[in-house]
């Protein structure tokens, strides 16, 4: 496990590529938790205490213990190997903050979408926003203690995903399953980019 300390603030000289990744999802699905669990630096959080003003605006069904919410972004960093580092930008989940997504998405290589199967319908609008922006994404199913177990084929159909979109199970509180979800995204984006480059070469020949 990577510890958070002063030595982790600096990247090794071998790093050749820095990649920006968005972490998105509906309100309360575990975005802040995931960024915090994988980040090798102290994560930046912009959480505020939820007040009475959010009553009737933010749906807290199934989230009785939630008392804070992200209002700008989360930020973390993870070095995947000696050559590649990911900078993670977690977005606010509430619809009223979605205008921030455009700025945060600029320069992003791909998106990890966190989904809570207890509130699956909350993810539909999130996925639609990503499709409108044309960003490649992978889906991480955050398994809460009281979540029902569903197969990836069933979830892919319920979320109306393309056959090649990665769907992985994770626990946002646990580092390694969350890292595996990010690796699935990076591998998928790399495959898409490689296919695109080959297609361009074929078209030019």
C-alpha atoms as a PDB file:
ATOM      1  CA  UNK A   1       0.000   0.000   0.000  1.00  0.00           C
ATOM      2  CA  UNK A   2       1.289   3.467  -0.893  1.00  0.00           C
ATOM      3  CA  UNK A   3       1.726   5.695   2.126  1.00  0.00           C
ATOM      4  CA  UNK A   4       1.001   9.392   2.062  1.00  0.00           C
ATOM      5  CA  UNK A   5       4.040  11.381   3.070  1.00  0.00           C
ATOM      6  CA  UNK A   6       6.500  14.004   1.960  1.00  0.00           C
ATOM      7  CA  UNK A   7       8.380  11.521  -0.247  1.00  0.00           C
ATOM      8  CA  UNK A   8       5.219  10.896  -2.270  1.00  0.00           C
ATOM      9  CA  UNK A   9       4.958  14.519  -3.394  1.00  0.00           C
ATOM     10  CA  UNK A  10       7.637  14.049  -6.020  1.00  0.00           C
ATOM     11  CA  UNK A  11       7.468  11.989  -9.174  1.00  0.00           C
ATOM     12  CA  UNK A  12      10.292   9.635 -10.172  1.00  0.00           C
ATOM     13  CA  UNK A  13      12.529  10.781 -13.021  1.00  0.00           C
ATOM     14  CA  UNK A  14      11.380   7.822 -15.122  1.00  0.00           C
ATOM     15  CA  UNK A  15       7.845   9.212 -15.609  1.00  0.00           C
ATOM     16  CA  UNK A  16       7.225   9.769 -19.319  1.00  0.00           C
ATOM     17  CA  UNK A  17       3.517  10.491 -19.417  1.00  0.00           C
ATOM     18  CA  UNK A  18       1.013  12.286 -17.178  1.00  0.00           C
ATOM     19  CA  UNK A  19      -2.646  11.565 -17.876  1.00  0.00           C
ATOM     20  CA  UNK A  20      -5.736  13.417 -16.698  1.00  0.00           C
ATOM     21  CA  UNK A  21      -8.679  11.212 -15.682  1.00  0.00           C
ATOM     22  CA  UNK A  22     -12.157  12.339 -14.644  1.00  0.00           C
ATOM     23  CA  UNK A  23     -14.035  10.454 -11.930  1.00  0.00           C
ATOM     24  CA  UNK A  24     -17.750  11.099 -12.325  1.00  0.00           C
ATOM     25  CA  UNK A  25     -21.037   9.731 -11.099  1.00  0.00           C
ATOM     26  CA  UNK A  26     -24.335  10.658  -9.530  1.00  0.00           C
ATOM     27  CA  UNK A  27     -24.632  12.247  -6.105  1.00  0.00           C
ATOM     28  CA  UNK A  28     -23.247  10.098  -3.283  1.00  0.00           C
ATOM     29  CA  UNK A  29     -21.927   7.146  -5.317  1.00  0.00           C
ATOM     30  CA  UNK A  30     -18.401   7.226  -3.835  1.00  0.00           C
ATOM     31  CA  UNK A  31     -16.293   9.479  -6.065  1.00  0.00           C
ATOM     32  CA  UNK A  32     -14.562  11.306  -3.215  1.00  0.00           C
ATOM     33  CA  UNK A  33     -14.005   7.998  -1.419  1.00  0.00           C
ATOM     34  CA  UNK A  34     -12.383   6.386  -4.474  1.00  0.00           C
ATOM     35  CA  UNK A  35     -10.053   9.309  -5.171  1.00  0.00           C
ATOM     36  CA  UNK A  36      -9.013   9.307  -1.533  1.00  0.00           C
ATOM     37  CA  UNK A  37      -8.426   5.556  -1.407  1.00  0.00           C
ATOM     38  CA  UNK A  38      -6.032   5.482  -4.379  1.00  0.00           C
ATOM     39  CA  UNK A  39      -4.247   8.840  -4.128  1.00  0.00           C
ATOM     40  CA  UNK A  40      -0.570   8.696  -3.167  1.00  0.00           C
ATOM     41  CA  UNK A  41      -0.677  12.335  -2.123  1.00  0.00           C
ATOM     42  CA  UNK A  42      -3.007  13.975   0.354  1.00  0.00           C
ATOM     43  CA  UNK A  43      -6.119  14.448  -1.822  1.00  0.00           C
ATOM     44  CA  UNK A  44      -7.610  17.870  -2.359  1.00  0.00           C
ATOM     45  CA  UNK A  45     -11.267  17.934  -1.384  1.00  0.00           C
ATOM     46  CA  UNK A  46     -13.840  20.696  -1.735  1.00  0.00           C
ATOM     47  CA  UNK A  47     -16.490  19.221   0.531  1.00  0.00           C
ATOM     48  CA  UNK A  48     -19.013  21.344   2.374  1.00  0.00           C
ATOM     49  CA  UNK A  49     -21.433  20.364   5.102  1.00  0.00           C
ATOM     50  CA  UNK A  50     -24.913  19.771   3.747  1.00  0.00           C
ATOM     51  CA  UNK A  51     -27.447  22.226   5.118  1.00  0.00           C
ATOM     52  CA  UNK A  52     -31.214  22.539   5.211  1.00  0.00           C
ATOM     53  CA  UNK A  53     -31.012  24.313   1.840  1.00  0.00           C
ATOM     54  CA  UNK A  54     -30.331  20.933   0.218  1.00  0.00           C
ATOM     55  CA  UNK A  55     -33.575  19.418   1.514  1.00  0.00           C
ATOM     56  CA  UNK A  56     -35.814  18.596  -1.417  1.00  0.00           C
ATOM     57  CA  UNK A  57     -32.931  19.276  -3.833  1.00  0.00           C
ATOM     58  CA  UNK A  58     -30.453  16.480  -3.078  1.00  0.00           C
ATOM     59  CA  UNK A  59     -32.005  13.021  -2.857  1.00  0.00           C
ATOM     60  CA  UNK A  60     -30.574  11.353   0.260  1.00  0.00           C
ATOM     61  CA  UNK A  61     -32.510   8.112  -0.150  1.00  0.00           C
ATOM     62  CA  UNK A  62     -30.240   5.307   1.031  1.00  0.00           C
ATOM     63  CA  UNK A  63     -27.613   7.789   2.281  1.00  0.00           C
ATOM     64  CA  UNK A  64     -28.790   8.594   5.789  1.00  0.00           C
ATOM     65  CA  UNK A  65     -25.201   8.991   7.070  1.00  0.00           C
ATOM     66  CA  UNK A  66     -24.049  11.413   4.348  1.00  0.00           C
ATOM     67  CA  UNK A  67     -23.382  14.876   5.801  1.00  0.00           C
ATOM     68  CA  UNK A  68     -21.019  16.504   3.268  1.00  0.00           C
ATOM     69  CA  UNK A  69     -20.943  16.989  -0.495  1.00  0.00           C
ATOM     70  CA  UNK A  70     -18.357  17.976  -3.120  1.00  0.00           C
ATOM     71  CA  UNK A  71     -19.018  21.447  -4.511  1.00  0.00           C
ATOM     72  CA  UNK A  72     -16.085  21.911  -6.915  1.00  0.00           C
ATOM     73  CA  UNK A  73     -13.810  18.912  -7.356  1.00  0.00           C
ATOM     74  CA  UNK A  74     -11.642  16.261  -5.742  1.00  0.00           C
ATOM     75  CA  UNK A  75      -8.020  15.914  -6.830  1.00  0.00           C
ATOM     76  CA  UNK A  76      -5.568  13.079  -6.357  1.00  0.00           C
ATOM     77  CA  UNK A  77      -2.577  11.437  -8.001  1.00  0.00           C
ATOM     78  CA  UNK A  78      -1.537   7.835  -8.548  1.00  0.00           C
ATOM     79  CA  UNK A  79       1.624   6.522 -10.192  1.00  0.00           C
ATOM     80  CA  UNK A  80       0.592   3.371 -12.068  1.00  0.00           C
ATOM     81  CA  UNK A  81       4.101   2.326 -13.049  1.00  0.00           C
ATOM     82  CA  UNK A  82       7.587   3.765 -13.528  1.00  0.00           C
ATOM     83  CA  UNK A  83       6.498   5.634 -16.671  1.00  0.00           C
ATOM     84  CA  UNK A  84       2.835   6.615 -16.152  1.00  0.00           C
ATOM     85  CA  UNK A  85       1.089   8.833 -13.614  1.00  0.00           C
ATOM     86  CA  UNK A  86      -2.626   9.605 -13.416  1.00  0.00           C
ATOM     87  CA  UNK A  87      -4.059  12.868 -12.157  1.00  0.00           C
ATOM     88  CA  UNK A  88      -7.591  12.264 -10.908  1.00  0.00           C
ATOM     89  CA  UNK A  89     -10.290  14.926 -10.976  1.00  0.00           C
ATOM     90  CA  UNK A  90     -13.480  13.994  -9.165  1.00  0.00           C
ATOM     91  CA  UNK A  91     -16.574  15.936 -10.219  1.00  0.00           C
ATOM     92  CA  UNK A  92     -19.616  17.017  -8.198  1.00  0.00           C
ATOM     93  CA  UNK A  93     -22.564  14.695  -8.686  1.00  0.00           C
ATOM     94  CA  UNK A  94     -25.493  17.082  -8.394  1.00  0.00           C
ATOM     95  CA  UNK A  95     -27.017  18.327 -11.626  1.00  0.00           C
ATOM     96  CA  UNK A  96     -26.696  21.977 -10.554  1.00  0.00           C
ATOM     97  CA  UNK A  97     -22.890  21.605 -10.605  1.00  0.00           C
ATOM     98  CA  UNK A  98     -22.648  19.927 -14.013  1.00  0.00           C
ATOM     99  CA  UNK A  99     -21.555  23.133 -15.727  1.00  0.00           C
ATOM    100  CA  UNK A 100     -18.193  22.565 -13.993  1.00  0.00           C
ATOM    101  CA  UNK A 101     -17.708  19.368 -15.976  1.00  0.00           C
ATOM    102  CA  UNK A 102     -16.799  21.200 -19.185  1.00  0.00           C
ATOM    103  CA  UNK A 103     -13.778  22.868 -17.608  1.00  0.00           C
ATOM    104  CA  UNK A 104     -12.717  19.764 -15.707  1.00  0.00           C
ATOM    105  CA  UNK A 105     -13.047  17.594 -18.828  1.00  0.00           C
ATOM    106  CA  UNK A 106     -10.648  19.717 -20.868  1.00  0.00           C
ATOM    107  CA  UNK A 107      -7.574  17.633 -21.674  1.00  0.00           C
ATOM    108  CA  UNK A 108      -8.922  14.477 -20.019  1.00  0.00           C
ATOM    109  CA  UNK A 109      -7.931  11.174 -21.607  1.00  0.00           C
ATOM    110  CA  UNK A 110     -10.919   9.278 -20.263  1.00  0.00           C
ATOM    111  CA  UNK A 111     -13.556   8.981 -17.559  1.00  0.00           C
ATOM    112  CA  UNK A 112     -14.216   6.507 -14.768  1.00  0.00           C
ATOM    113  CA  UNK A 113     -17.947   6.436 -14.022  1.00  0.00           C
ATOM    114  CA  UNK A 114     -18.881   5.308 -10.498  1.00  0.00           C
ATOM    115  CA  UNK A 115     -22.283   3.615 -10.272  1.00  0.00           C
ATOM    116  CA  UNK A 116     -24.378   2.667  -7.241  1.00  0.00           C
ATOM    117  CA  UNK A 117     -26.731  -0.178  -8.187  1.00  0.00           C
ATOM    118  CA  UNK A 118     -29.117   0.762  -5.366  1.00  0.00           C
ATOM    119  CA  UNK A 119     -29.900   3.923  -7.366  1.00  0.00           C
ATOM    120  CA  UNK A 120     -29.114   2.779 -10.878  1.00  0.00           C
ATOM    121  CA  UNK A 121     -31.480   5.245 -12.540  1.00  0.00           C
ATOM    122  CA  UNK A 122     -29.421   8.154 -11.172  1.00  0.00           C
ATOM    123  CA  UNK A 123     -26.589   7.137 -13.507  1.00  0.00           C
ATOM    124  CA  UNK A 124     -28.573   7.434 -16.748  1.00  0.00           C
ATOM    125  CA  UNK A 125     -28.226  11.215 -17.046  1.00  0.00           C
ATOM    126  CA  UNK A 126     -24.535  11.013 -16.124  1.00  0.00           C
ATOM    127  CA  UNK A 127     -23.848   8.553 -18.941  1.00  0.00           C
ATOM    128  CA  UNK A 128     -25.834  10.710 -21.352  1.00  0.00           C
ATOM    129  CA  UNK A 129     -23.675  13.718 -20.473  1.00  0.00           C
ATOM    130  CA  UNK A 130     -20.524  11.733 -21.251  1.00  0.00           C
ATOM    131  CA  UNK A 131     -21.893  10.550 -24.582  1.00  0.00           C
ATOM    132  CA  UNK A 132     -22.680  14.156 -25.513  1.00  0.00           C
ATOM    133  CA  UNK A 133     -19.080  15.113 -24.716  1.00  0.00           C
ATOM    134  CA  UNK A 134     -17.649  12.145 -26.623  1.00  0.00           C
ATOM    135  CA  UNK A 135     -15.258  11.032 -23.900  1.00  0.00           C
ATOM    136  CA  UNK A 136     -14.305   7.336 -23.618  1.00  0.00           C
ATOM    137  CA  UNK A 137     -15.287   5.854 -20.277  1.00  0.00           C
ATOM    138  CA  UNK A 138     -15.292   2.741 -18.133  1.00  0.00           C
ATOM    139  CA  UNK A 139     -17.902   1.922 -15.497  1.00  0.00           C
ATOM    140  CA  UNK A 140     -16.972   0.949 -11.933  1.00  0.00           C
ATOM    141  CA  UNK A 141     -19.778  -0.597  -9.895  1.00  0.00           C
ATOM    142  CA  UNK A 142     -19.263   0.521  -6.311  1.00  0.00           C
ATOM    143  CA  UNK A 143     -20.409  -2.369  -4.145  1.00  0.00           C
ATOM    144  CA  UNK A 144     -21.991  -1.012  -0.978  1.00  0.00           C
ATOM    145  CA  UNK A 145     -22.636  -3.445   1.902  1.00  0.00           C
ATOM    146  CA  UNK A 146     -26.384  -3.510   1.163  1.00  0.00           C
ATOM    147  CA  UNK A 147     -26.081  -3.613  -2.645  1.00  0.00           C
ATOM    148  CA  UNK A 148     -27.707  -6.507  -4.478  1.00  0.00           C
ATOM    149  CA  UNK A 149     -25.343  -8.633  -6.521  1.00  0.00           C
ATOM    150  CA  UNK A 150     -25.750  -8.272 -10.289  1.00  0.00           C
ATOM    151  CA  UNK A 151     -23.730  -9.739 -13.137  1.00  0.00           C
ATOM    152  CA  UNK A 152     -21.816  -7.449 -15.472  1.00  0.00           C
ATOM    153  CA  UNK A 153     -23.894  -8.607 -18.448  1.00  0.00           C
ATOM    154  CA  UNK A 154     -27.093  -7.662 -16.642  1.00  0.00           C
ATOM    155  CA  UNK A 155     -25.688  -4.279 -15.614  1.00  0.00           C
ATOM    156  CA  UNK A 156     -24.383  -3.572 -19.114  1.00  0.00           C
ATOM    157  CA  UNK A 157     -27.888  -4.105 -20.468  1.00  0.00           C
ATOM    158  CA  UNK A 158     -29.539  -2.034 -17.729  1.00  0.00           C
ATOM    159  CA  UNK A 159     -27.162   0.874 -18.377  1.00  0.00           C
ATOM    160  CA  UNK A 160     -27.435   0.459 -22.184  1.00  0.00           C
ATOM    161  CA  UNK A 161     -23.663   0.292 -22.618  1.00  0.00           C
ATOM    162  CA  UNK A 162     -21.771  -0.660 -25.753  1.00  0.00           C
ATOM    163  CA  UNK A 163     -20.329  -4.198 -25.731  1.00  0.00           C
ATOM    164  CA  UNK A 164     -16.730  -2.976 -25.457  1.00  0.00           C
ATOM    165  CA  UNK A 165     -17.296  -0.529 -22.569  1.00  0.00           C
ATOM    166  CA  UNK A 166     -15.470  -1.940 -19.512  1.00  0.00           C
ATOM    167  CA  UNK A 167     -17.651  -2.751 -16.500  1.00  0.00           C
ATOM    168  CA  UNK A 168     -15.754  -3.642 -13.329  1.00  0.00           C
ATOM    169  CA  UNK A 169     -16.721  -4.260  -9.721  1.00  0.00           C
ATOM    170  CA  UNK A 170     -14.995  -2.349  -6.945  1.00  0.00           C
ATOM    171  CA  UNK A 171     -15.266  -1.136  -3.388  1.00  0.00           C
ATOM    172  CA  UNK A 172     -14.365   2.571  -3.449  1.00  0.00           C
ATOM    173  CA  UNK A 173     -13.060   2.278   0.119  1.00  0.00           C
ATOM    174  CA  UNK A 174     -10.466  -0.298  -0.904  1.00  0.00           C
ATOM    175  CA  UNK A 175      -7.307   0.760  -2.734  1.00  0.00           C
ATOM    176  CA  UNK A 176      -6.554  -2.248  -4.943  1.00  0.00           C
ATOM    177  CA  UNK A 177     -10.039  -2.811  -6.447  1.00  0.00           C
ATOM    178  CA  UNK A 178     -10.210   0.928  -7.156  1.00  0.00           C
ATOM    179  CA  UNK A 179      -6.756   0.883  -8.780  1.00  0.00           C
ATOM    180  CA  UNK A 180      -7.875  -2.079 -10.899  1.00  0.00           C
ATOM    181  CA  UNK A 181     -10.851  -0.032 -12.108  1.00  0.00           C
ATOM    182  CA  UNK A 182      -8.530   2.772 -13.181  1.00  0.00           C
ATOM    183  CA  UNK A 183      -6.230   0.311 -14.948  1.00  0.00           C
ATOM    184  CA  UNK A 184      -9.232  -1.072 -16.864  1.00  0.00           C
ATOM    185  CA  UNK A 185     -10.030   2.454 -18.026  1.00  0.00           C
ATOM    186  CA  UNK A 186      -6.449   3.209 -19.078  1.00  0.00           C
ATOM    187  CA  UNK A 187      -6.181  -0.074 -20.995  1.00  0.00           C
ATOM    188  CA  UNK A 188      -9.508   0.588 -22.729  1.00  0.00           C
ATOM    189  CA  UNK A 189      -8.550   4.144 -23.710  1.00  0.00           C
ATOM    190  CA  UNK A 190      -5.187   2.888 -24.983  1.00  0.00           C
ATOM    191  CA  UNK A 191      -6.927   0.266 -27.112  1.00  0.00           C
ATOM    192  CA  UNK A 192      -9.339   2.873 -28.514  1.00  0.00           C
ATOM    193  CA  UNK A 193      -6.473   5.254 -29.319  1.00  0.00           C
ATOM    194  CA  UNK A 194      -4.470   2.436 -30.964  1.00  0.00           C
ATOM    195  CA  UNK A 195      -7.470   1.423 -33.074  1.00  0.00           C
ATOM    196  CA  UNK A 196      -8.047   5.043 -34.056  1.00  0.00           C
ATOM    197  CA  UNK A 197      -4.426   5.458 -35.118  1.00  0.00           C
ATOM    198  CA  UNK A 198      -4.582   2.278 -37.204  1.00  0.00           C
ATOM    199  CA  UNK A 199      -7.814   3.426 -38.853  1.00  0.00           C
ATOM    200  CA  UNK A 200      -6.253   6.785 -39.719  1.00  0.00           C
ATOM    201  CA  UNK A 201      -3.231   5.072 -41.219  1.00  0.00           C
ATOM    202  CA  UNK A 202      -5.444   2.794 -43.306  1.00  0.00           C
ATOM    203  CA  UNK A 203      -7.490   5.745 -44.530  1.00  0.00           C
ATOM    204  CA  UNK A 204      -4.316   7.588 -45.558  1.00  0.00           C
ATOM    205  CA  UNK A 205      -2.856   4.621 -47.450  1.00  0.00           C
END
